[in-house]
Amino acid sequence: MAKKPENLSFEQSLSELETIVAHLEQGEVSLDDALKQFERGINLVRQSQTKLEQAQQKVSILLNENDVELAPFTVDAE
């Protein structure tokens, strides 16, 4: 049985979502199975969004506690 979305890491959720999308894109899935996979995908997306929001809040709190200002990230051209 698949783990509950809340018990997966962000990376595990993303990997499973990629698998679900690839499986659904093949088009060789019954309607019932497609709906189950779609529902699983929605749950994974919601839980992943929650984890991202929590991480963003934690970063904001840490930056505010230490009065740190972030500089824009730039990539040096090679």
Protein backbone atom coordinates (compact mmCIF):
# COMPACT_ATOMS: atom_id res chain seq x y z
CA MET A 1 0.00 0.00 0.00
CA ALA A 2 1.28 3.47 -0.84
CA LYS A 3 2.35 5.75 1.97
CA LYS A 4 0.13 8.62 2.97
CA PRO A 5 1.25 11.86 1.28
CA GLU A 6 1.98 13.48 4.64
CA ASN A 7 4.50 10.71 5.41
CA LEU A 8 6.50 11.28 2.23
CA SER A 9 9.34 13.73 1.82
CA PHE A 10 8.88 16.54 -0.68
CA GLU A 11 11.25 14.78 -3.06
CA GLN A 12 9.40 11.46 -2.75
CA SER A 13 6.10 13.21 -3.47
CA LEU A 14 7.54 14.91 -6.53
CA SER A 15 8.94 11.63 -7.83
CA GLU A 16 5.60 9.88 -7.38
CA LEU A 17 3.81 12.75 -9.10
CA GLU A 18 6.14 12.42 -12.08
CA THR A 19 5.39 8.70 -12.23
CA ILE A 20 1.63 9.31 -12.08
CA VAL A 21 1.79 11.92 -14.86
CA ALA A 22 3.85 9.64 -17.08
CA HIS A 23 1.45 6.76 -16.50
CA LEU A 24 -1.61 8.89 -17.25
CA GLU A 25 0.01 10.40 -20.37
CA GLN A 26 0.40 6.93 -21.85
CA GLY A 27 -3.38 6.78 -22.08
CA GLU A 28 -3.58 3.07 -21.43
CA VAL A 29 -5.30 3.40 -18.06
CA SER A 30 -8.88 2.51 -17.23
CA LEU A 31 -11.13 5.36 -16.17
CA ASP A 32 -11.36 4.07 -12.60
CA ASP A 33 -7.60 3.71 -12.32
CA ALA A 34 -7.05 7.14 -13.88
CA LEU A 35 -9.42 8.73 -11.36
CA LYS A 36 -7.65 6.99 -8.46
CA GLN A 37 -4.27 8.15 -9.72
CA PHE A 38 -5.58 11.67 -10.29
CA GLU A 39 -6.94 11.77 -6.74
CA ARG A 40 -3.60 10.52 -5.38
CA GLY A 41 -1.81 13.19 -7.42
CA ILE A 42 -4.05 15.95 -6.06
CA ASN A 43 -3.34 14.79 -2.51
CA LEU A 44 0.39 14.73 -3.21
CA VAL A 45 0.27 18.24 -4.68
CA ARG A 46 -1.65 19.61 -1.69
CA GLN A 47 0.74 18.05 0.81
CA SER A 48 3.77 19.23 -1.18
CA GLN A 49 2.39 22.77 -1.27
CA THR A 50 1.94 22.66 2.51
CA LYS A 51 5.54 21.51 2.96
CA LEU A 52 6.80 24.32 0.70
CA GLU A 53 4.78 26.90 2.63
CA GLN A 54 6.14 25.58 5.93
CA ALA A 55 9.70 25.76 4.63
CA GLN A 56 9.13 29.32 3.40
CA GLN A 57 7.75 30.35 6.79
CA LYS A 58 10.71 28.78 8.57
CA VAL A 59 13.18 30.62 6.32
CA SER A 60 11.33 33.89 6.93
CA ILE A 61 11.40 33.35 10.69
CA LEU A 62 15.10 32.52 10.65
CA LEU A 63 15.91 35.58 8.56
CA ASN A 64 13.82 37.85 10.79
CA GLU A 65 15.41 36.47 13.96
CA ASN A 66 18.88 37.23 12.67
CA ASP A 67 18.07 40.45 10.77
CA VAL A 68 19.60 39.00 7.62
CA GLU A 69 19.01 40.63 4.26
CA LEU A 70 19.21 38.49 1.17
CA ALA A 71 20.92 39.70 -1.96
CA PRO A 72 19.46 38.73 -5.34
CA PHE A 73 20.92 35.51 -6.70
CA THR A 74 22.83 35.89 -9.93
CA VAL A 75 24.49 33.23 -12.03
CA ASP A 76 27.85 34.10 -13.51
CA ALA A 77 27.98 33.56 -17.25
CA GLU A 78 30.59 31.01 -18.22
